PDB file of N, CA and C in Angstrom:
ATOM      1  N   MET A   1      54.941 -24.055 153.008  1.00  0.00           N
ATOM      2  CA  MET A   1      54.979 -25.486 152.788  1.00  0.00           C
ATOM      3  C   MET A   1      54.118 -25.835 151.583  1.00  0.00           C
ATOM      4  N   PHE A   2      54.568 -26.796 150.801  1.00  0.00           N
ATOM      5  CA  PHE A   2      53.835 -27.220 149.615  1.00  0.00           C
ATOM      6  C   PHE A   2      54.068 -28.709 149.413  1.00  0.00           C
ATOM      7  N   LYS A   3      53.020 -29.403 148.986  1.00  0.00           N
ATOM      8  CA  LYS A   3      53.112 -30.845 148.782  1.00  0.00           C
ATOM      9  C   LYS A   3      52.430 -31.210 147.471  1.00  0.00           C
ATOM     10  N   ILE A   4      53.050 -32.106 146.715  1.00  0.00           N
ATOM     11  CA  ILE A   4      52.479 -32.642 145.482  1.00  0.00           C
ATOM     12  C   ILE A   4      52.401 -34.156 145.640  1.00  0.00           C
ATOM     13  N   SER A   5      51.204 -34.701 145.430  1.00  0.00           N
ATOM     14  CA  SER A   5      51.016 -36.152 145.491  1.00  0.00           C
ATOM     15  C   SER A   5      50.344 -36.613 144.207  1.00  0.00           C
ATOM     16  N   ILE A   6      50.574 -37.862 143.855  1.00  0.00           N
ATOM     17  CA  ILE A   6      49.902 -38.450 142.698  1.00  0.00           C
ATOM     18  C   ILE A   6      49.067 -39.620 143.195  1.00  0.00           C
ATOM     19  N   VAL A   7      47.786 -39.580 142.847  1.00  0.00           N
ATOM     20  CA  VAL A   7      46.861 -40.639 143.242  1.00  0.00           C
ATOM     21  C   VAL A   7      46.416 -41.344 141.964  1.00  0.00           C
ATOM     22  N   GLU A   8      46.649 -42.637 141.905  1.00  0.00           N
ATOM     23  CA  GLU A   8      46.334 -43.432 140.723  1.00  0.00           C
ATOM     24  C   GLU A   8      45.021 -44.185 140.904  1.00  0.00           C
ATOM     25  N   SER A   9      44.247 -44.282 139.834  1.00  0.00           N
ATOM     26  CA  SER A   9      43.072 -45.150 139.799  1.00  0.00           C
ATOM     27  C   SER A   9      42.976 -45.701 138.380  1.00  0.00           C
ATOM     28  N   PRO A  10      42.100 -46.670 138.144  1.00  0.00           N
ATOM     29  CA  PRO A  10      41.993 -47.237 136.795  1.00  0.00           C
ATOM     30  C   PRO A  10      41.522 -46.230 135.737  1.00  0.00           C
ATOM     31  N   VAL A  11      40.802 -45.183 136.150  1.00  0.00           N
ATOM     32  CA  VAL A  11      40.252 -44.237 135.172  1.00  0.00           C
ATOM     33  C   VAL A  11      40.925 -42.880 135.176  1.00  0.00           C
ATOM     34  N   GLN A  12      41.719 -42.582 136.206  1.00  0.00           N
ATOM     35  CA  GLN A  12      42.354 -41.270 136.241  1.00  0.00           C
ATOM     36  C   GLN A  12      43.639 -41.269 137.048  1.00  0.00           C
ATOM     37  N   ARG A  13      44.445 -40.274 136.777  1.00  0.00           N
ATOM     38  CA  ARG A  13      45.628 -39.978 137.579  1.00  0.00           C
ATOM     39  C   ARG A  13      45.398 -38.570 138.118  1.00  0.00           C
ATOM     40  N   ARG A  14      45.462 -38.422 139.431  1.00  0.00           N
ATOM     41  CA  ARG A  14      45.156 -37.145 140.078  1.00  0.00           C
ATOM     42  C   ARG A  14      46.438 -36.564 140.667  1.00  0.00           C
ATOM     43  N   LEU A  15      46.752 -35.338 140.248  1.00  0.00           N
ATOM     44  CA  LEU A  15      47.882 -34.597 140.774  1.00  0.00           C
ATOM     45  C   LEU A  15      47.328 -33.710 141.886  1.00  0.00           C
ATOM     46  N   VAL A  16      47.582 -34.069 143.140  1.00  0.00           N
ATOM     47  CA  VAL A  16      47.009 -33.379 144.299  1.00  0.00           C
ATOM     48  C   VAL A  16      48.017 -32.349 144.809  1.00  0.00           C
ATOM     49  N   LEU A  17      47.610 -31.077 144.781  1.00  0.00           N
ATOM     50  CA  LEU A  17      48.454 -29.983 145.254  1.00  0.00           C
ATOM     51  C   LEU A  17      47.933 -29.506 146.601  1.00  0.00           C
ATOM     52  N   GLU A  18      48.845 -29.267 147.538  1.00  0.00           N
ATOM     53  CA  GLU A  18      48.453 -28.829 148.878  1.00  0.00           C
ATOM     54  C   GLU A  18      49.383 -27.725 149.352  1.00  0.00           C
ATOM     55  N   GLY A  19      48.806 -26.643 149.873  1.00  0.00           N
ATOM     56  CA  GLY A  19      49.603 -25.560 150.436  1.00  0.00           C
ATOM     57  C   GLY A  19      49.593 -24.328 149.564  1.00  0.00           C
ATOM     58  N   LYS A  20      50.706 -23.604 149.588  1.00  0.00           N
ATOM     59  CA  LYS A  20      50.825 -22.327 148.883  1.00  0.00           C
ATOM     60  C   LYS A  20      51.441 -22.531 147.505  1.00  0.00           C
ATOM     61  N   LEU A  21      50.684 -22.197 146.470  1.00  0.00           N
ATOM     62  CA  LEU A  21      51.182 -22.308 145.093  1.00  0.00           C
ATOM     63  C   LEU A  21      51.909 -21.009 144.746  1.00  0.00           C
ATOM     64  N   ILE A  22      53.173 -20.965 145.138  1.00  0.00           N
ATOM     65  CA  ILE A  22      54.016 -19.789 144.941  1.00  0.00           C
ATOM     66  C   ILE A  22      55.361 -20.253 144.395  1.00  0.00           C
ATOM     67  N   SER A  23      56.147 -19.296 143.900  1.00  0.00           N
ATOM     68  CA  SER A  23      57.493 -19.614 143.452  1.00  0.00           C
ATOM     69  C   SER A  23      58.317 -20.006 144.682  1.00  0.00           C
ATOM     70  N   PRO A  24      59.137 -20.977 144.672  1.00  0.00           N
ATOM     71  CA  PRO A  24      59.658 -21.793 143.586  1.00  0.00           C
ATOM     72  C   PRO A  24      58.854 -23.059 143.317  1.00  0.00           C
ATOM     73  N   TRP A  25      57.750 -23.261 144.025  1.00  0.00           N
ATOM     74  CA  TRP A  25      56.970 -24.501 143.869  1.00  0.00           C
ATOM     75  C   TRP A  25      56.284 -24.590 142.521  1.00  0.00           C
ATOM     76  N   THR A  26      56.092 -23.457 141.849  1.00  0.00           N
ATOM     77  CA  THR A  26      55.417 -23.494 140.549  1.00  0.00           C
ATOM     78  C   THR A  26      56.218 -24.305 139.532  1.00  0.00           C
ATOM     79  N   ALA A  27      57.530 -24.200 139.581  1.00  0.00           N
ATOM     80  CA  ALA A  27      58.373 -24.994 138.671  1.00  0.00           C
ATOM     81  C   ALA A  27      58.213 -26.483 138.966  1.00  0.00           C
ATOM     82  N   GLU A  28      58.071 -26.827 140.235  1.00  0.00           N
ATOM     83  CA  GLU A  28      57.852 -28.225 140.625  1.00  0.00           C
ATOM     84  C   GLU A  28      56.511 -28.736 140.106  1.00  0.00           C
ATOM     85  N   VAL A  29      55.497 -27.874 140.128  1.00  0.00           N
ATOM     86  CA  VAL A  29      54.173 -28.255 139.619  1.00  0.00           C
ATOM     87  C   VAL A  29      54.249 -28.525 138.126  1.00  0.00           C
ATOM     88  N   GLU A  30      54.929 -27.661 137.384  1.00  0.00           N
ATOM     89  CA  GLU A  30      55.067 -27.865 135.940  1.00  0.00           C
ATOM     90  C   GLU A  30      55.787 -29.169 135.640  1.00  0.00           C
ATOM     91  N   SER A  31      56.835 -29.453 136.378  1.00  0.00           N
ATOM     92  CA  SER A  31      57.584 -30.696 136.191  1.00  0.00           C
ATOM     93  C   SER A  31      56.720 -31.910 136.533  1.00  0.00           C
ATOM     94  N   ALA A  32      55.996 -31.824 137.647  1.00  0.00           N
ATOM     95  CA  ALA A  32      55.121 -32.935 138.058  1.00  0.00           C
ATOM     96  C   ALA A  32      54.027 -33.161 137.031  1.00  0.00           C
ATOM     97  N   TRP A  33      53.491 -32.076 136.450  1.00  0.00           N
ATOM     98  CA  TRP A  33      52.454 -32.173 135.415  1.00  0.00           C
ATOM     99  C   TRP A  33      52.996 -32.926 134.201  1.00  0.00           C
ATOM    100  N   ARG A  34      54.173 -32.533 133.734  1.00  0.00           N
ATOM    101  CA  ARG A  34      54.758 -33.200 132.560  1.00  0.00           C
ATOM    102  C   ARG A  34      54.993 -34.687 132.841  1.00  0.00           C
ATOM    103  N   ASN A  35      55.520 -34.996 134.007  1.00  0.00           N
ATOM    104  CA  ASN A  35      55.772 -36.395 134.362  1.00  0.00           C
ATOM    105  C   ASN A  35      54.481 -37.186 134.508  1.00  0.00           C
ATOM    106  N   ALA A  36      53.469 -36.564 135.112  1.00  0.00           N
ATOM    107  CA  ALA A  36      52.186 -37.254 135.322  1.00  0.00           C
ATOM    108  C   ALA A  36      51.445 -37.452 134.011  1.00  0.00           C
ATOM    109  N   ALA A  37      51.665 -36.567 133.040  1.00  0.00           N
ATOM    110  CA  ALA A  37      50.978 -36.672 131.753  1.00  0.00           C
ATOM    111  C   ALA A  37      51.522 -37.817 130.895  1.00  0.00           C
ATOM    112  N   ALA A  38      52.681 -38.322 131.247  1.00  0.00           N
ATOM    113  CA  ALA A  38      53.281 -39.422 130.489  1.00  0.00           C
ATOM    114  C   ALA A  38      52.599 -40.747 130.850  1.00  0.00           C
ATOM    115  N   ASP A  39      52.423 -41.580 129.867  1.00  0.00           N
ATOM    116  CA  ASP A  39      51.901 -42.940 130.070  1.00  0.00           C
ATOM    117  C   ASP A  39      50.555 -42.995 130.789  1.00  0.00           C
ATOM    118  N   LEU A  40      49.602 -42.208 130.325  1.00  0.00           N
ATOM    119  CA  LEU A  40      48.272 -42.215 130.945  1.00  0.00           C
ATOM    120  C   LEU A  40      47.448 -43.429 130.521  1.00  0.00           C
ATOM    121  N   ASP A  41      47.759 -44.025 129.382  1.00  0.00           N
ATOM    122  CA  ASP A  41      47.036 -45.191 128.884  1.00  0.00           C
ATOM    123  C   ASP A  41      45.525 -44.974 128.850  1.00  0.00           C
ATOM    124  N   GLY A  42      45.105 -43.805 128.339  1.00  0.00           N
ATOM    125  CA  GLY A  42      43.676 -43.513 128.190  1.00  0.00           C
ATOM    126  C   GLY A  42      43.002 -42.936 129.419  1.00  0.00           C
ATOM    127  N   ARG A  43      43.726 -42.832 130.525  1.00  0.00           N
ATOM    128  CA  ARG A  43      43.134 -42.265 131.740  1.00  0.00           C
ATOM    129  C   ARG A  43      43.139 -40.738 131.674  1.00  0.00           C
ATOM    130  N   LYS A  44      42.276 -40.114 132.467  1.00  0.00           N
ATOM    131  CA  LYS A  44      42.238 -38.659 132.576  1.00  0.00           C
ATOM    132  C   LYS A  44      43.306 -38.212 133.571  1.00  0.00           C
ATOM    133  N   LEU A  45      43.836 -37.001 133.338  1.00  0.00           N
ATOM    134  CA  LEU A  45      44.760 -36.388 134.284  1.00  0.00           C
ATOM    135  C   LEU A  45      44.056 -35.183 134.895  1.00  0.00           C
ATOM    136  N   ILE A  46      43.881 -35.209 136.209  1.00  0.00           N
ATOM    137  CA  ILE A  46      43.172 -34.167 136.938  1.00  0.00           C
ATOM    138  C   ILE A  46      44.143 -33.476 137.894  1.00  0.00           C
ATOM    139  N   VAL A  47      44.101 -32.135 137.934  1.00  0.00           N
ATOM    140  CA  VAL A  47      44.879 -31.373 138.896  1.00  0.00           C
ATOM    141  C   VAL A  47      43.923 -30.978 140.024  1.00  0.00           C
ATOM    142  N   ASP A  48      44.168 -31.500 141.206  1.00  0.00           N
ATOM    143  CA  ASP A  48      43.306 -31.295 142.369  1.00  0.00           C
ATOM    144  C   ASP A  48      43.834 -30.119 143.191  1.00  0.00           C
ATOM    145  N   LEU A  49      43.045 -29.033 143.227  1.00  0.00           N
ATOM    146  CA  LEU A  49      43.436 -27.825 143.956  1.00  0.00           C
ATOM    147  C   LEU A  49      42.642 -27.645 145.250  1.00  0.00           C
ATOM    148  N   ASN A  50      41.972 -28.676 145.709  1.00  0.00           N
ATOM    149  CA  ASN A  50      41.115 -28.572 146.894  1.00  0.00           C
ATOM    150  C   ASN A  50      41.850 -28.070 148.133  1.00  0.00           C
ATOM    151  N   ASN A  51      43.124 -28.398 148.274  1.00  0.00           N
ATOM    152  CA  ASN A  51      43.869 -28.026 149.474  1.00  0.00           C
ATOM    153  C   ASN A  51      44.925 -26.959 149.226  1.00  0.00           C
ATOM    154  N   VAL A  52      44.770 -26.208 148.131  1.00  0.00           N
ATOM    155  CA  VAL A  52      45.667 -25.084 147.879  1.00  0.00           C
ATOM    156  C   VAL A  52      45.130 -23.888 148.660  1.00  0.00           C
ATOM    157  N   THR A  53      46.000 -23.258 149.442  1.00  0.00           N
ATOM    158  CA  THR A  53      45.568 -22.169 150.312  1.00  0.00           C
ATOM    159  C   THR A  53      45.879 -20.785 149.754  1.00  0.00           C
ATOM    160  N   VAL A  54      46.912 -20.671 148.916  1.00  0.00           N
ATOM    161  CA  VAL A  54      47.317 -19.395 148.326  1.00  0.00           C
ATOM    162  C   VAL A  54      47.746 -19.649 146.891  1.00  0.00           C
ATOM    163  N   ILE A  55      47.353 -18.744 145.986  1.00  0.00           N
ATOM    164  CA  ILE A  55      47.819 -18.810 144.604  1.00  0.00           C
ATOM    165  C   ILE A  55      48.417 -17.447 144.265  1.00  0.00           C
ATOM    166  N   SER A  56      49.728 -17.401 144.085  1.00  0.00           N
ATOM    167  CA  SER A  56      50.414 -16.152 143.745  1.00  0.00           C
ATOM    168  C   SER A  56      50.240 -15.856 142.257  1.00  0.00           C
ATOM    169  N   ALA A  57      50.747 -14.706 141.827  1.00  0.00           N
ATOM    170  CA  ALA A  57      50.711 -14.354 140.405  1.00  0.00           C
ATOM    171  C   ALA A  57      51.483 -15.393 139.594  1.00  0.00           C
ATOM    172  N   ASP A  58      52.603 -15.858 140.123  1.00  0.00           N
ATOM    173  CA  ASP A  58      53.383 -16.903 139.459  1.00  0.00           C
ATOM    174  C   ASP A  58      52.589 -18.205 139.401  1.00  0.00           C
ATOM    175  N   GLY A  59      51.845 -18.484 140.471  1.00  0.00           N
ATOM    176  CA  GLY A  59      50.977 -19.665 140.499  1.00  0.00           C
ATOM    177  C   GLY A  59      49.886 -19.569 139.451  1.00  0.00           C
ATOM    178  N   GLU A  60      49.323 -18.374 139.273  1.00  0.00           N
ATOM    179  CA  GLU A  60      48.304 -18.172 138.239  1.00  0.00           C
ATOM    180  C   GLU A  60      48.878 -18.419 136.853  1.00  0.00           C
ATOM    181  N   LYS A  61      50.113 -17.954 136.629  1.00  0.00           N
ATOM    182  CA  LYS A  61      50.765 -18.192 135.329  1.00  0.00           C
ATOM    183  C   LYS A  61      50.933 -19.687 135.080  1.00  0.00           C
ATOM    184  N   THR A  62      51.321 -20.406 136.113  1.00  0.00           N
ATOM    185  CA  THR A  62      51.506 -21.856 135.991  1.00  0.00           C
ATOM    186  C   THR A  62      50.185 -22.542 135.685  1.00  0.00           C
ATOM    187  N   LEU A  63      49.127 -22.187 136.421  1.00  0.00           N
ATOM    188  CA  LEU A  63      47.807 -22.786 136.170  1.00  0.00           C
ATOM    189  C   LEU A  63      47.312 -22.454 134.770  1.00  0.00           C
ATOM    190  N   SER A  64      47.567 -21.232 134.330  1.00  0.00           N
ATOM    191  CA  SER A  64      47.171 -20.831 132.981  1.00  0.00           C
ATOM    192  C   SER A  64      47.890 -21.680 131.930  1.00  0.00           C
ATOM    193  N   GLN A  65      49.179 -21.918 132.148  1.00  0.00           N
ATOM    194  CA  GLN A  65      49.947 -22.752 131.219  1.00  0.00           C
ATOM    195  C   GLN A  65      49.410 -24.179 131.207  1.00  0.00           C
ATOM    196  N   LEU A  66      49.106 -24.714 132.379  1.00  0.00           N
ATOM    197  CA  LEU A  66      48.558 -26.066 132.445  1.00  0.00           C
ATOM    198  C   LEU A  66      47.216 -26.136 131.723  1.00  0.00           C
ATOM    199  N   MET A  67      46.403 -25.085 131.860  1.00  0.00           N
ATOM    200  CA  MET A  67      45.122 -25.021 131.144  1.00  0.00           C
ATOM    201  C   MET A  67      45.336 -25.092 129.643  1.00  0.00           C
ATOM    202  N   ARG A  68      46.298 -24.287 129.161  1.00  0.00           N
ATOM    203  CA  ARG A  68      46.589 -24.291 127.718  1.00  0.00           C
ATOM    204  C   ARG A  68      47.090 -25.656 127.257  1.00  0.00           C
ATOM    205  N   ASP A  69      47.745 -26.383 128.171  1.00  0.00           N
ATOM    206  CA  ASP A  69      48.244 -27.722 127.844  1.00  0.00           C
ATOM    207  C   ASP A  69      47.172 -28.797 127.992  1.00  0.00           C
ATOM    208  N   GLY A  70      45.955 -28.382 128.391  1.00  0.00           N
ATOM    209  CA  GLY A  70      44.844 -29.319 128.456  1.00  0.00           C
ATOM    210  C   GLY A  70      44.492 -29.855 129.832  1.00  0.00           C
ATOM    211  N   ALA A  71      45.041 -29.260 130.883  1.00  0.00           N
ATOM    212  CA  ALA A  71      44.754 -29.743 132.237  1.00  0.00           C
ATOM    213  C   ALA A  71      43.281 -29.565 132.578  1.00  0.00           C
ATOM    214  N   LYS A  72      42.767 -30.513 133.339  1.00  0.00           N
ATOM    215  CA  LYS A  72      41.423 -30.435 133.917  1.00  0.00           C
ATOM    216  C   LYS A  72      41.616 -30.268 135.414  1.00  0.00           C
ATOM    217  N   PHE A  73      40.801 -29.422 136.016  1.00  0.00           N
ATOM    218  CA  PHE A  73      40.981 -29.081 137.421  1.00  0.00           C
ATOM    219  C   PHE A  73      39.797 -29.504 138.262  1.00  0.00           C
ATOM    220  N   CYS A  74      40.076 -29.716 139.532  1.00  0.00           N
ATOM    221  CA  CYS A  74      39.046 -30.000 140.525  1.00  0.00           C
ATOM    222  C   CYS A  74      39.373 -29.105 141.714  1.00  0.00           C
ATOM    223  N   CYS A  75      38.373 -28.371 142.192  1.00  0.00           N
ATOM    224  CA  CYS A  75      38.586 -27.511 143.357  1.00  0.00           C
ATOM    225  C   CYS A  75      37.272 -27.313 144.087  1.00  0.00           C
ATOM    226  N   ALA A  76      37.365 -26.971 145.361  1.00  0.00           N
ATOM    227  CA  ALA A  76      36.165 -26.823 146.176  1.00  0.00           C
ATOM    228  C   ALA A  76      35.949 -25.379 146.616  1.00  0.00           C
ATOM    229  N   GLY A  77      36.999 -24.615 146.784  1.00  0.00           N
ATOM    230  CA  GLY A  77      36.883 -23.262 147.302  1.00  0.00           C
ATOM    231  C   GLY A  77      36.334 -22.276 146.279  1.00  0.00           C
ATOM    232  N   VAL A  78      35.557 -21.336 146.773  1.00  0.00           N
ATOM    233  CA  VAL A  78      34.970 -20.307 145.915  1.00  0.00           C
ATOM    234  C   VAL A  78      36.060 -19.451 145.271  1.00  0.00           C
ATOM    235  N   LEU A  79      37.059 -19.067 146.051  1.00  0.00           N
ATOM    236  CA  LEU A  79      38.124 -18.222 145.523  1.00  0.00           C
ATOM    237  C   LEU A  79      38.934 -18.953 144.458  1.00  0.00           C
ATOM    238  N   THR A  80      39.278 -20.197 144.712  1.00  0.00           N
ATOM    239  CA  THR A  80      40.043 -20.977 143.731  1.00  0.00           C
ATOM    240  C   THR A  80      39.236 -21.163 142.460  1.00  0.00           C
ATOM    241  N   ARG A  81      37.963 -21.443 142.597  1.00  0.00           N
ATOM    242  CA  ARG A  81      37.090 -21.593 141.427  1.00  0.00           C
ATOM    243  C   ARG A  81      37.049 -20.284 140.629  1.00  0.00           C
ATOM    244  N   HIS A  82      36.969 -19.152 141.328  1.00  0.00           N
ATOM    245  CA  HIS A  82      36.948 -17.842 140.674  1.00  0.00           C
ATOM    246  C   HIS A  82      38.262 -17.592 139.921  1.00  0.00           C
ATOM    247  N   VAL A  83      39.384 -17.917 140.549  1.00  0.00           N
ATOM    248  CA  VAL A  83      40.685 -17.742 139.895  1.00  0.00           C
ATOM    249  C   VAL A  83      40.740 -18.574 138.617  1.00  0.00           C
ATOM    250  N   LEU A  84      40.295 -19.820 138.679  1.00  0.00           N
ATOM    251  CA  LEU A  84      40.315 -20.679 137.486  1.00  0.00           C
ATOM    252  C   LEU A  84      39.423 -20.121 136.377  1.00  0.00           C
ATOM    253  N   LYS A  85      38.253 -19.609 136.731  1.00  0.00           N
ATOM    254  CA  LYS A  85      37.364 -19.033 135.724  1.00  0.00           C
ATOM    255  C   LYS A  85      37.989 -17.807 135.078  1.00  0.00           C
ATOM    256  N   GLN A  86      38.632 -16.962 135.880  1.00  0.00           N
ATOM    257  CA  GLN A  86      39.292 -15.780 135.334  1.00  0.00           C
ATOM    258  C   GLN A  86      40.438 -16.170 134.396  1.00  0.00           C
ATOM    259  N   LEU A  87      41.215 -17.149 134.793  1.00  0.00           N
ATOM    260  CA  LEU A  87      42.317 -17.610 133.939  1.00  0.00           C
ATOM    261  C   LEU A  87      41.785 -18.201 132.638  1.00  0.00           C
ATOM    262  N   ALA A  88      40.690 -18.939 132.732  1.00  0.00           N
ATOM    263  CA  ALA A  88      40.091 -19.540 131.535  1.00  0.00           C
ATOM    264  C   ALA A  88      39.601 -18.452 130.587  1.00  0.00           C
ATOM    265  N   ARG A  89      39.002 -17.413 131.132  1.00  0.00           N
ATOM    266  CA  ARG A  89      38.527 -16.302 130.277  1.00  0.00           C
ATOM    267  C   ARG A  89      39.695 -15.607 129.590  1.00  0.00           C
ATOM    268  N   ARG A  90      40.745 -15.346 130.346  1.00  0.00           N
ATOM    269  CA  ARG A  90      41.912 -14.666 129.768  1.00  0.00           C
ATOM    270  C   ARG A  90      42.555 -15.506 128.674  1.00  0.00           C
ATOM    271  N   GLY A  91      42.618 -16.811 128.904  1.00  0.00           N
ATOM    272  CA  GLY A  91      43.271 -17.696 127.939  1.00  0.00           C
ATOM    273  C   GLY A  91      42.322 -18.368 126.980  1.00  0.00           C
ATOM    274  N   ARG A  92      41.040 -18.034 127.107  1.00  0.00           N
ATOM    275  CA  ARG A  92      39.993 -18.647 126.276  1.00  0.00           C
ATOM    276  C   ARG A  92      40.056 -20.170 126.323  1.00  0.00           C
ATOM    277  N   CYS A  93      40.175 -20.679 127.554  1.00  0.00           N
ATOM    278  CA  CYS A  93      40.228 -22.122 127.801  1.00  0.00           C
ATOM    279  C   CYS A  93      39.060 -22.517 128.673  1.00  0.00           C
ATOM    280  N   ARG A  94      38.834 -23.811 128.783  1.00  0.00           N
ATOM    281  CA  ARG A  94      37.844 -24.336 129.726  1.00  0.00           C
ATOM    282  C   ARG A  94      38.576 -24.785 130.975  1.00  0.00           C
ATOM    283  N   PRO A  95      38.090 -24.387 132.187  1.00  0.00           N
ATOM    284  CA  PRO A  95      38.763 -24.805 133.423  1.00  0.00           C
ATOM    285  C   PRO A  95      38.613 -26.280 133.708  1.00  0.00           C
TER     286      PRO A  95
END
């Protein structure tokens, strides 16, 4: 199971991901990212990974692509934070 929600506020738009970040949901995440990035009107776009339970190799590729596209992430889990740091090192990006 996987869920994508968008939470709006005056200063940011948050793309909240929940569940297993695996194929075929990775394509949905990329599409949601592109749609959420439109019309930000100066607000920040944050990808919230607090409730992601599994990140597959395909999920890592998707997160890496979002990083290269300028995504900013929020996460609470030690493992998720470690995955983001590793992806940032490989892609020479900031998580």
